[in-house]
Amino acid sequence: LLRLLPKIEALATDPGLTPDLAALVRA
């Protein structure tokens, strides 16, 4: 989990994502 979760959290801040997809990952 400690290996996967930071990658998923970092994806939520990726400027290449649309606001909807970034919010989806965070939620």
mmCIF file of all heavy atoms, coordinates in Angstrom:
data_MODEL
# 
_entry.id   MODEL 
# 
loop_
_atom_site.group_PDB 
_atom_site.id 
_atom_site.type_symbol 
_atom_site.label_atom_id 
_atom_site.label_alt_id 
_atom_site.label_comp_id 
_atom_site.label_asym_id 
_atom_site.label_entity_id 
_atom_site.label_seq_id 
_atom_site.pdbx_PDB_ins_code 
_atom_site.Cartn_x 
_atom_site.Cartn_y 
_atom_site.Cartn_z 
_atom_site.occupancy 
_atom_site.B_iso_or_equiv 
_atom_site.pdbx_formal_charge 
_atom_site.auth_seq_id 
_atom_site.auth_comp_id 
_atom_site.auth_asym_id 
_atom_site.auth_atom_id 
_atom_site.pdbx_PDB_model_num 
ATOM 1   N N   . LEU A 1 1  ? 0.825   -1.209 0.000   1.00 0.00 ? 1  LEU A N   1 
ATOM 2   C CA  . LEU A 1 1  ? 0.000   0.000  0.000   1.00 0.00 ? 1  LEU A CA  1 
ATOM 3   C C   . LEU A 1 1  ? 0.860   1.260  0.000   1.00 0.00 ? 1  LEU A C   1 
ATOM 4   O O   . LEU A 1 1  ? 0.582   2.220  -0.727  1.00 0.00 ? 1  LEU A O   1 
ATOM 5   C CB  . LEU A 1 1  ? -0.921  -0.002 1.223   1.00 0.00 ? 1  LEU A CB  1 
ATOM 6   C CG  . LEU A 1 1  ? -2.188  -0.845 1.132   1.00 0.00 ? 1  LEU A CG  1 
ATOM 7   C CD1 . LEU A 1 1  ? -2.853  -0.933 2.494   1.00 0.00 ? 1  LEU A CD1 1 
ATOM 8   C CD2 . LEU A 1 1  ? -3.158  -0.254 0.125   1.00 0.00 ? 1  LEU A CD2 1 
ATOM 9   N N   . LEU A 1 2  ? 1.913   1.247  0.814   1.00 0.00 ? 2  LEU A N   1 
ATOM 10  C CA  . LEU A 1 2  ? 2.787   2.420  0.898   1.00 0.00 ? 2  LEU A CA  1 
ATOM 11  C C   . LEU A 1 2  ? 3.542   2.650  -0.404  1.00 0.00 ? 2  LEU A C   1 
ATOM 12  O O   . LEU A 1 2  ? 4.064   3.748  -0.631  1.00 0.00 ? 2  LEU A O   1 
ATOM 13  C CB  . LEU A 1 2  ? 3.764   2.246  2.064   1.00 0.00 ? 2  LEU A CB  1 
ATOM 14  C CG  . LEU A 1 2  ? 3.123   2.321  3.455   1.00 0.00 ? 2  LEU A CG  1 
ATOM 15  C CD1 . LEU A 1 2  ? 4.130   1.958  4.529   1.00 0.00 ? 2  LEU A CD1 1 
ATOM 16  C CD2 . LEU A 1 2  ? 2.561   3.712  3.700   1.00 0.00 ? 2  LEU A CD2 1 
ATOM 17  N N   . ARG A 1 3  ? 3.614   1.633  -1.225  1.00 0.00 ? 3  ARG A N   1 
ATOM 18  C CA  . ARG A 1 3  ? 4.228   1.807  -2.546  1.00 0.00 ? 3  ARG A CA  1 
ATOM 19  C C   . ARG A 1 3  ? 3.224   2.345  -3.560  1.00 0.00 ? 3  ARG A C   1 
ATOM 20  O O   . ARG A 1 3  ? 3.581   3.152  -4.424  1.00 0.00 ? 3  ARG A O   1 
ATOM 21  C CB  . ARG A 1 3  ? 4.798   0.459  -3.016  1.00 0.00 ? 3  ARG A CB  1 
ATOM 22  C CG  . ARG A 1 3  ? 5.365   0.475  -4.428  1.00 0.00 ? 3  ARG A CG  1 
ATOM 23  C CD  . ARG A 1 3  ? 6.114   -0.805 -4.729  1.00 0.00 ? 3  ARG A CD  1 
ATOM 24  N NE  . ARG A 1 3  ? 5.310   -1.988 -4.495  1.00 0.00 ? 3  ARG A NE  1 
ATOM 25  C CZ  . ARG A 1 3  ? 4.448   -2.488 -5.378  1.00 0.00 ? 3  ARG A CZ  1 
ATOM 26  N NH1 . ARG A 1 3  ? 4.272   -1.866 -6.535  1.00 0.00 ? 3  ARG A NH1 1 
ATOM 27  N NH2 . ARG A 1 3  ? 3.763   -3.577 -5.103  1.00 0.00 ? 3  ARG A NH2 1 
ATOM 28  N N   . LEU A 1 4  ? 1.948   1.925  -3.447  1.00 0.00 ? 4  LEU A N   1 
ATOM 29  C CA  . LEU A 1 4  ? 0.957   2.312  -4.440  1.00 0.00 ? 4  LEU A CA  1 
ATOM 30  C C   . LEU A 1 4  ? 0.293   3.655  -4.149  1.00 0.00 ? 4  LEU A C   1 
ATOM 31  O O   . LEU A 1 4  ? 0.075   4.463  -5.056  1.00 0.00 ? 4  LEU A O   1 
ATOM 32  C CB  . LEU A 1 4  ? -0.139  1.236  -4.520  1.00 0.00 ? 4  LEU A CB  1 
ATOM 33  C CG  . LEU A 1 4  ? 0.243   -0.097 -5.155  1.00 0.00 ? 4  LEU A CG  1 
ATOM 34  C CD1 . LEU A 1 4  ? -0.904  -1.089 -5.014  1.00 0.00 ? 4  LEU A CD1 1 
ATOM 35  C CD2 . LEU A 1 4  ? 0.576   0.096  -6.627  1.00 0.00 ? 4  LEU A CD2 1 
ATOM 36  N N   . LEU A 1 5  ? -0.048  3.905  -2.877  1.00 0.00 ? 5  LEU A N   1 
ATOM 37  C CA  . LEU A 1 5  ? -0.855  5.082  -2.563  1.00 0.00 ? 5  LEU A CA  1 
ATOM 38  C C   . LEU A 1 5  ? -0.180  6.401  -2.925  1.00 0.00 ? 5  LEU A C   1 
ATOM 39  O O   . LEU A 1 5  ? -0.844  7.301  -3.464  1.00 0.00 ? 5  LEU A O   1 
ATOM 40  C CB  . LEU A 1 5  ? -1.246  5.060  -1.086  1.00 0.00 ? 5  LEU A CB  1 
ATOM 41  C CG  . LEU A 1 5  ? -2.251  3.966  -0.706  1.00 0.00 ? 5  LEU A CG  1 
ATOM 42  C CD1 . LEU A 1 5  ? -2.515  3.962  0.785   1.00 0.00 ? 5  LEU A CD1 1 
ATOM 43  C CD2 . LEU A 1 5  ? -3.565  4.157  -1.460  1.00 0.00 ? 5  LEU A CD2 1 
ATOM 44  N N   . PRO A 1 6  ? 1.123   6.598  -2.653  1.00 0.00 ? 6  PRO A N   1 
ATOM 45  C CA  . PRO A 1 6  ? 1.726   7.870  -3.055  1.00 0.00 ? 6  PRO A CA  1 
ATOM 46  C C   . PRO A 1 6  ? 1.655   8.108  -4.568  1.00 0.00 ? 6  PRO A C   1 
ATOM 47  O O   . PRO A 1 6  ? 1.484   9.251  -5.011  1.00 0.00 ? 6  PRO A O   1 
ATOM 48  C CB  . PRO A 1 6  ? 3.181   7.738  -2.576  1.00 0.00 ? 6  PRO A CB  1 
ATOM 49  C CG  . PRO A 1 6  ? 3.125   6.749  -1.471  1.00 0.00 ? 6  PRO A CG  1 
ATOM 50  C CD  . PRO A 1 6  ? 2.059   5.776  -1.858  1.00 0.00 ? 6  PRO A CD  1 
ATOM 51  N N   . LYS A 1 7  ? 1.744   7.039  -5.346  1.00 0.00 ? 7  LYS A N   1 
ATOM 52  C CA  . LYS A 1 7  ? 1.640   7.211  -6.798  1.00 0.00 ? 7  LYS A CA  1 
ATOM 53  C C   . LYS A 1 7  ? 0.234   7.671  -7.189  1.00 0.00 ? 7  LYS A C   1 
ATOM 54  O O   . LYS A 1 7  ? 0.063   8.523  -8.075  1.00 0.00 ? 7  LYS A O   1 
ATOM 55  C CB  . LYS A 1 7  ? 1.967   5.892  -7.501  1.00 0.00 ? 7  LYS A CB  1 
ATOM 56  C CG  . LYS A 1 7  ? 3.392   5.391  -7.291  1.00 0.00 ? 7  LYS A CG  1 
ATOM 57  C CD  . LYS A 1 7  ? 3.582   4.054  -8.003  1.00 0.00 ? 7  LYS A CD  1 
ATOM 58  C CE  . LYS A 1 7  ? 4.985   3.500  -7.765  1.00 0.00 ? 7  LYS A CE  1 
ATOM 59  N NZ  . LYS A 1 7  ? 5.184   2.187  -8.429  1.00 0.00 ? 7  LYS A NZ  1 
ATOM 60  N N   . ILE A 1 8  ? -0.770  7.106  -6.532  1.00 0.00 ? 8  ILE A N   1 
ATOM 61  C CA  . ILE A 1 8  ? -2.147  7.497  -6.853  1.00 0.00 ? 8  ILE A CA  1 
ATOM 62  C C   . ILE A 1 8  ? -2.396  8.930  -6.414  1.00 0.00 ? 8  ILE A C   1 
ATOM 63  O O   . ILE A 1 8  ? -3.035  9.721  -7.131  1.00 0.00 ? 8  ILE A O   1 
ATOM 64  C CB  . ILE A 1 8  ? -3.137  6.525  -6.194  1.00 0.00 ? 8  ILE A CB  1 
ATOM 65  C CG1 . ILE A 1 8  ? -2.903  5.102  -6.725  1.00 0.00 ? 8  ILE A CG1 1 
ATOM 66  C CG2 . ILE A 1 8  ? -4.577  6.944  -6.450  1.00 0.00 ? 8  ILE A CG2 1 
ATOM 67  C CD1 . ILE A 1 8  ? -3.728  4.047  -6.032  1.00 0.00 ? 8  ILE A CD1 1 
ATOM 68  N N   . GLU A 1 9  ? -1.891  9.307  -5.235  1.00 0.00 ? 9  GLU A N   1 
ATOM 69  C CA  . GLU A 1 9  ? -2.054  10.683 -4.765  1.00 0.00 ? 9  GLU A CA  1 
ATOM 70  C C   . GLU A 1 9  ? -1.340  11.666 -5.690  1.00 0.00 ? 9  GLU A C   1 
ATOM 71  O O   . GLU A 1 9  ? -1.854  12.748 -5.983  1.00 0.00 ? 9  GLU A O   1 
ATOM 72  C CB  . GLU A 1 9  ? -1.519  10.807 -3.341  1.00 0.00 ? 9  GLU A CB  1 
ATOM 73  C CG  . GLU A 1 9  ? -2.406  10.126 -2.308  1.00 0.00 ? 9  GLU A CG  1 
ATOM 74  C CD  . GLU A 1 9  ? -1.967  10.450 -0.897  1.00 0.00 ? 9  GLU A CD  1 
ATOM 75  O OE1 . GLU A 1 9  ? -0.763  10.263 -0.605  1.00 0.00 ? 9  GLU A OE1 1 
ATOM 76  O OE2 . GLU A 1 9  ? -2.801  10.902 -0.108  1.00 0.00 ? 9  GLU A OE2 1 
ATOM 77  N N   . ALA A 1 10 ? -0.167  11.277 -6.142  1.00 0.00 ? 10 ALA A N   1 
ATOM 78  C CA  . ALA A 1 10 ? 0.572   12.160 -7.052  1.00 0.00 ? 10 ALA A CA  1 
ATOM 79  C C   . ALA A 1 10 ? -0.178  12.333 -8.364  1.00 0.00 ? 10 ALA A C   1 
ATOM 80  O O   . ALA A 1 10 ? -0.157  13.414 -8.978  1.00 0.00 ? 10 ALA A O   1 
ATOM 81  C CB  . ALA A 1 10 ? 1.972   11.598 -7.300  1.00 0.00 ? 10 ALA A CB  1 
ATOM 82  N N   . LEU A 1 11 ? -0.879  11.274 -8.789  1.00 0.00 ? 11 LEU A N   1 
ATOM 83  C CA  . LEU A 1 11 ? -1.644  11.378 -10.031 1.00 0.00 ? 11 LEU A CA  1 
ATOM 84  C C   . LEU A 1 11 ? -2.737  12.433 -9.915  1.00 0.00 ? 11 LEU A C   1 
ATOM 85  O O   . LEU A 1 11 ? -3.067  13.109 -10.896 1.00 0.00 ? 11 LEU A O   1 
ATOM 86  C CB  . LEU A 1 11 ? -2.253  10.009 -10.360 1.00 0.00 ? 11 LEU A CB  1 
ATOM 87  C CG  . LEU A 1 11 ? -3.126  9.923  -11.617 1.00 0.00 ? 11 LEU A CG  1 
ATOM 88  C CD1 . LEU A 1 11 ? -2.295  10.264 -12.854 1.00 0.00 ? 11 LEU A CD1 1 
ATOM 89  C CD2 . LEU A 1 11 ? -3.743  8.537  -11.749 1.00 0.00 ? 11 LEU A CD2 1 
ATOM 90  N N   . ALA A 1 12 ? -3.315  12.575 -8.703  1.00 0.00 ? 12 ALA A N   1 
ATOM 91  C CA  . ALA A 1 12 ? -4.385  13.557 -8.514  1.00 0.00 ? 12 ALA A CA  1 
ATOM 92  C C   . ALA A 1 12 ? -3.899  14.987 -8.713  1.00 0.00 ? 12 ALA A C   1 
ATOM 93  O O   . ALA A 1 12 ? -4.705  15.893 -8.927  1.00 0.00 ? 12 ALA A O   1 
ATOM 94  C CB  . ALA A 1 12 ? -4.998  13.396 -7.121  1.00 0.00 ? 12 ALA A CB  1 
ATOM 95  N N   . THR A 1 13 ? -2.595  15.234 -8.619  1.00 0.00 ? 13 THR A N   1 
ATOM 96  C CA  . THR A 1 13 ? -2.048  16.590 -8.798  1.00 0.00 ? 13 THR A CA  1 
ATOM 97  C C   . THR A 1 13 ? -1.421  16.760 -10.179 1.00 0.00 ? 13 THR A C   1 
ATOM 98  O O   . THR A 1 13 ? -0.809  17.797 -10.452 1.00 0.00 ? 13 THR A O   1 
ATOM 99  C CB  . THR A 1 13 ? -0.999  16.879 -7.712  1.00 0.00 ? 13 THR A CB  1 
ATOM 100 O OG1 . THR A 1 13 ? 0.088   15.945 -7.846  1.00 0.00 ? 13 THR A OG1 1 
ATOM 101 C CG2 . THR A 1 13 ? -1.609  16.736 -6.332  1.00 0.00 ? 13 THR A CG2 1 
ATOM 102 N N   . ASP A 1 14 ? -1.555  15.765 -11.030 1.00 0.00 ? 14 ASP A N   1 
ATOM 103 C CA  . ASP A 1 14 ? -0.984  15.850 -12.368 1.00 0.00 ? 14 ASP A CA  1 
ATOM 104 C C   . ASP A 1 14 ? -1.699  16.943 -13.166 1.00 0.00 ? 14 ASP A C   1 
ATOM 105 O O   . ASP A 1 14 ? -2.921  16.886 -13.352 1.00 0.00 ? 14 ASP A O   1 
ATOM 106 C CB  . ASP A 1 14 ? -1.151  14.492 -13.067 1.00 0.00 ? 14 ASP A CB  1 
ATOM 107 C CG  . ASP A 1 14 ? -0.418  14.423 -14.407 1.00 0.00 ? 14 ASP A CG  1 
ATOM 108 O OD1 . ASP A 1 14 ? -0.189  15.467 -15.023 1.00 0.00 ? 14 ASP A OD1 1 
ATOM 109 O OD2 . ASP A 1 14 ? -0.085  13.293 -14.829 1.00 0.00 ? 14 ASP A OD2 1 
ATOM 110 N N   . PRO A 1 15 ? -0.964  17.963 -13.632 1.00 0.00 ? 15 PRO A N   1 
ATOM 111 C CA  . PRO A 1 15 ? -1.623  19.045 -14.380 1.00 0.00 ? 15 PRO A CA  1 
ATOM 112 C C   . PRO A 1 15 ? -2.228  18.569 -15.699 1.00 0.00 ? 15 PRO A C   1 
ATOM 113 O O   . PRO A 1 15 ? -3.055  19.270 -16.289 1.00 0.00 ? 15 PRO A O   1 
ATOM 114 C CB  . PRO A 1 15 ? -0.485  20.050 -14.617 1.00 0.00 ? 15 PRO A CB  1 
ATOM 115 C CG  . PRO A 1 15 ? 0.776   19.257 -14.485 1.00 0.00 ? 15 PRO A CG  1 
ATOM 116 C CD  . PRO A 1 15 ? 0.485   18.199 -13.470 1.00 0.00 ? 15 PRO A CD  1 
ATOM 117 N N   . GLY A 1 16 ? -1.831  17.397 -16.176 1.00 0.00 ? 16 GLY A N   1 
ATOM 118 C CA  . GLY A 1 16 ? -2.387  16.891 -17.423 1.00 0.00 ? 16 GLY A CA  1 
ATOM 119 C C   . GLY A 1 16 ? -3.783  16.320 -17.287 1.00 0.00 ? 16 GLY A C   1 
ATOM 120 O O   . GLY A 1 16 ? -4.438  16.034 -18.292 1.00 0.00 ? 16 GLY A O   1 
ATOM 121 N N   . LEU A 1 17 ? -4.267  16.127 -16.046 1.00 0.00 ? 17 LEU A N   1 
ATOM 122 C CA  . LEU A 1 17 ? -5.609  15.596 -15.842 1.00 0.00 ? 17 LEU A CA  1 
ATOM 123 C C   . LEU A 1 17 ? -6.643  16.708 -15.879 1.00 0.00 ? 17 LEU A C   1 
ATOM 124 O O   . LEU A 1 17 ? -6.371  17.849 -15.487 1.00 0.00 ? 17 LEU A O   1 
ATOM 125 C CB  . LEU A 1 17 ? -5.713  14.882 -14.490 1.00 0.00 ? 17 LEU A CB  1 
ATOM 126 C CG  . LEU A 1 17 ? -4.979  13.556 -14.311 1.00 0.00 ? 17 LEU A CG  1 
ATOM 127 C CD1 . LEU A 1 17 ? -5.360  12.949 -12.966 1.00 0.00 ? 17 LEU A CD1 1 
ATOM 128 C CD2 . LEU A 1 17 ? -5.294  12.599 -15.437 1.00 0.00 ? 17 LEU A CD2 1 
ATOM 129 N N   . THR A 1 18 ? -7.828  16.395 -16.350 1.00 0.00 ? 18 THR A N   1 
ATOM 130 C CA  . THR A 1 18 ? -8.941  17.343 -16.271 1.00 0.00 ? 18 THR A CA  1 
ATOM 131 C C   . THR A 1 18 ? -9.337  17.497 -14.807 1.00 0.00 ? 18 THR A C   1 
ATOM 132 O O   . THR A 1 18 ? -9.095  16.593 -13.983 1.00 0.00 ? 18 THR A O   1 
ATOM 133 C CB  . THR A 1 18 ? -10.139 16.839 -17.072 1.00 0.00 ? 18 THR A CB  1 
ATOM 134 O OG1 . THR A 1 18 ? -10.617 15.623 -16.466 1.00 0.00 ? 18 THR A OG1 1 
ATOM 135 C CG2 . THR A 1 18 ? -9.758  16.587 -18.524 1.00 0.00 ? 18 THR A CG2 1 
ATOM 136 N N   . PRO A 1 19 ? -9.957  18.625 -14.427 1.00 0.00 ? 19 PRO A N   1 
ATOM 137 C CA  . PRO A 1 19 ? -10.389 18.799 -13.025 1.00 0.00 ? 19 PRO A CA  1 
ATOM 138 C C   . PRO A 1 19 ? -11.301 17.671 -12.551 1.00 0.00 ? 19 PRO A C   1 
ATOM 139 O O   . PRO A 1 19 ? -11.222 17.250 -11.402 1.00 0.00 ? 19 PRO A O   1 
ATOM 140 C CB  . PRO A 1 19 ? -11.108 20.147 -13.049 1.00 0.00 ? 19 PRO A CB  1 
ATOM 141 C CG  . PRO A 1 19 ? -10.503 20.882 -14.195 1.00 0.00 ? 19 PRO A CG  1 
ATOM 142 C CD  . PRO A 1 19 ? -10.183 19.850 -15.228 1.00 0.00 ? 19 PRO A CD  1 
ATOM 143 N N   . ASP A 1 20 ? -12.170 17.178 -13.460 1.00 0.00 ? 20 ASP A N   1 
ATOM 144 C CA  . ASP A 1 20 ? -13.073 16.088 -13.063 1.00 0.00 ? 20 ASP A CA  1 
ATOM 145 C C   . ASP A 1 20 ? -12.305 14.836 -12.680 1.00 0.00 ? 20 ASP A C   1 
ATOM 146 O O   . ASP A 1 20 ? -12.577 14.205 -11.654 1.00 0.00 ? 20 ASP A O   1 
ATOM 147 C CB  . ASP A 1 20 ? -14.028 15.753 -14.213 1.00 0.00 ? 20 ASP A CB  1 
ATOM 148 C CG  . ASP A 1 20 ? -15.322 16.545 -14.109 1.00 0.00 ? 20 ASP A CG  1 
ATOM 149 O OD1 . ASP A 1 20 ? -15.362 17.471 -13.275 1.00 0.00 ? 20 ASP A OD1 1 
ATOM 150 O OD2 . ASP A 1 20 ? -16.260 16.247 -14.862 1.00 0.00 ? 20 ASP A OD2 1 
ATOM 151 N N   . LEU A 1 21 ? -11.323 14.445 -13.498 1.00 0.00 ? 21 LEU A N   1 
ATOM 152 C CA  . LEU A 1 21 ? -10.570 13.230 -13.210 1.00 0.00 ? 21 LEU A CA  1 
ATOM 153 C C   . LEU A 1 21 ? -9.701  13.393 -11.972 1.00 0.00 ? 21 LEU A C   1 
ATOM 154 O O   . LEU A 1 21 ? -9.549  12.451 -11.184 1.00 0.00 ? 21 LEU A O   1 
ATOM 155 C CB  . LEU A 1 21 ? -9.715  12.850 -14.424 1.00 0.00 ? 21 LEU A CB  1 
ATOM 156 C CG  . LEU A 1 21 ? -10.481 12.304 -15.630 1.00 0.00 ? 21 LEU A CG  1 
ATOM 157 C CD1 . LEU A 1 21 ? -9.521  11.999 -16.776 1.00 0.00 ? 21 LEU A CD1 1 
ATOM 158 C CD2 . LEU A 1 21 ? -11.265 11.043 -15.253 1.00 0.00 ? 21 LEU A CD2 1 
ATOM 159 N N   . ALA A 1 22 ? -9.111  14.569 -11.796 1.00 0.00 ? 22 ALA A N   1 
ATOM 160 C CA  . ALA A 1 22 ? -8.307  14.802 -10.589 1.00 0.00 ? 22 ALA A CA  1 
ATOM 161 C C   . ALA A 1 22 ? -9.177  14.689 -9.337  1.00 0.00 ? 22 ALA A C   1 
ATOM 162 O O   . ALA A 1 22 ? -8.781  14.080 -8.334  1.00 0.00 ? 22 ALA A O   1 
ATOM 163 C CB  . ALA A 1 22 ? -7.642  16.174 -10.668 1.00 0.00 ? 22 ALA A CB  1 
ATOM 164 N N   . ALA A 1 23 ? -10.384 15.298 -9.392  1.00 0.00 ? 23 ALA A N   1 
ATOM 165 C CA  . ALA A 1 23 ? -11.292 15.209 -8.251  1.00 0.00 ? 23 ALA A CA  1 
ATOM 166 C C   . ALA A 1 23 ? -11.746 13.772 -8.028  1.00 0.00 ? 23 ALA A C   1 
ATOM 167 O O   . ALA A 1 23 ? -11.919 13.330 -6.888  1.00 0.00 ? 23 ALA A O   1 
ATOM 168 C CB  . ALA A 1 23 ? -12.496 16.118 -8.483  1.00 0.00 ? 23 ALA A CB  1 
ATOM 169 N N   . LEU A 1 24 ? -11.925 13.009 -9.102  1.00 0.00 ? 24 LEU A N   1 
ATOM 170 C CA  . LEU A 1 24 ? -12.331 11.608 -8.978  1.00 0.00 ? 24 LEU A CA  1 
ATOM 171 C C   . LEU A 1 24 ? -11.279 10.796 -8.238  1.00 0.00 ? 24 LEU A C   1 
ATOM 172 O O   . LEU A 1 24 ? -11.607 9.990  -7.355  1.00 0.00 ? 24 LEU A O   1 
ATOM 173 C CB  . LEU A 1 24 ? -12.574 11.027 -10.376 1.00 0.00 ? 24 LEU A CB  1 
ATOM 174 C CG  . LEU A 1 24 ? -12.892 9.519  -10.452 1.00 0.00 ? 24 LEU A CG  1 
ATOM 175 C CD1 . LEU A 1 24 ? -14.188 9.217  -9.725  1.00 0.00 ? 24 LEU A CD1 1 
ATOM 176 C CD2 . LEU A 1 24 ? -12.966 9.054  -11.903 1.00 0.00 ? 24 LEU A CD2 1 
ATOM 177 N N   . VAL A 1 25 ? -9.996  10.999 -8.564  1.00 0.00 ? 25 VAL A N   1 
ATOM 178 C CA  . VAL A 1 25 ? -8.932  10.252 -7.894  1.00 0.00 ? 25 VAL A CA  1 
ATOM 179 C C   . VAL A 1 25 ? -8.882  10.619 -6.415  1.00 0.00 ? 25 VAL A C   1 
ATOM 180 O O   . VAL A 1 25 ? -8.759  9.745  -5.548  1.00 0.00 ? 25 VAL A O   1 
ATOM 181 C CB  . VAL A 1 25 ? -7.583  10.524 -8.576  1.00 0.00 ? 25 VAL A CB  1 
ATOM 182 C CG1 . VAL A 1 25 ? -6.448  9.864  -7.805  1.00 0.00 ? 25 VAL A CG1 1 
ATOM 183 C CG2 . VAL A 1 25 ? -7.601  10.020 -10.016 1.00 0.00 ? 25 VAL A CG2 1 
ATOM 184 N N   . ARG A 1 26 ? -8.986  11.936 -6.110  1.00 0.00 ? 26 ARG A N   1 
ATOM 185 C CA  . ARG A 1 26 ? -8.944  12.348 -4.702  1.00 0.00 ? 26 ARG A CA  1 
ATOM 186 C C   . ARG A 1 26 ? -10.109 11.757 -3.917  1.00 0.00 ? 26 ARG A C   1 
ATOM 187 O O   . ARG A 1 26 ? -9.950  11.271 -2.801  1.00 0.00 ? 26 ARG A O   1 
ATOM 188 C CB  . ARG A 1 26 ? -8.965  13.877 -4.600  1.00 0.00 ? 26 ARG A CB  1 
ATOM 189 C CG  . ARG A 1 26 ? -7.659  14.545 -4.987  1.00 0.00 ? 26 ARG A CG  1 
ATOM 190 C CD  . ARG A 1 26 ? -7.633  15.992 -4.509  1.00 0.00 ? 26 ARG A CD  1 
ATOM 191 N NE  . ARG A 1 26 ? -8.738  16.763 -5.064  1.00 0.00 ? 26 ARG A NE  1 
ATOM 192 C CZ  . ARG A 1 26 ? -8.706  17.373 -6.237  1.00 0.00 ? 26 ARG A CZ  1 
ATOM 193 N NH1 . ARG A 1 26 ? -7.617  17.266 -6.992  1.00 0.00 ? 26 ARG A NH1 1 
ATOM 194 N NH2 . ARG A 1 26 ? -9.734  18.067 -6.675  1.00 0.00 ? 26 ARG A NH2 1 
ATOM 195 N N   . ALA A 1 27 ? -11.295 11.814 -4.518  1.00 0.00 ? 27 ALA A N   1 
ATOM 196 C CA  . ALA A 1 27 ? -12.475 11.304 -3.812  1.00 0.00 ? 27 ALA A CA  1 
ATOM 197 C C   . ALA A 1 27 ? -12.398 9.794  -3.603  1.00 0.00 ? 27 ALA A C   1 
ATOM 198 O O   . ALA A 1 27 ? -12.857 9.277  -2.589  1.00 0.00 ? 27 ALA A O   1 
ATOM 199 C CB  . ALA A 1 27 ? -13.737 11.660 -4.590  1.00 0.00 ? 27 ALA A CB  1 
# 
